[in-house]
Amino acid sequence: MFLLGAGWLIGFRPSCSLQEGVAAVGLVLLIGFAFSWVGMAMGLAARSVETAQSMGMAWVFPLTFLSSAFVPTATMPYWLRLFAEHQPMTWLIDAVRNLLLHRPTSGSLWPALAVCALVLLVFVPLSVFLYERKSRSTAARL
């Protein structure tokens, strides 16, 4: 919500309906929820706080910068465009952007939802497993 407010202050005006706006905010929340489980698994797998902190951004930054977040993929060199157009961060960004700008979402919304579902299906059980393993090893040491 803060970023929407900041965007509004600098001139961004969404052209979406109320339903599309709610869907965009819901998708952003779903993405955040799904990626928090990735961070949880990485943090539980890390051996130190410093390692966990560095692991958290190591996978997000390359995917974000090699996506449609900052420039249209059509302006990228062919080899980079191939990667950028077929990676999950582009689908997520395009889905939110299309919802807020009242554009067709058929090519981006379903892949974005599938990415969120897949991330949750993999990382929720993995995080629970890692947590249980870590808590058992901690209890054994006490």
Foldseek 3Di string as FASTA:
>chain_A
DVVVVVCVVVPDAFPADPVLLVVLVVLVVLVVVLLVLVLLLLVLPDPDPVSSVVVSCPPVVVLCVLEPNPHHLVPDPPVSSVVHVPDQVNLSVVQSVCSRRVHDNVVRPVSNVVVSVVSCVPRVVSSVVSVVVVVVVVVVVD
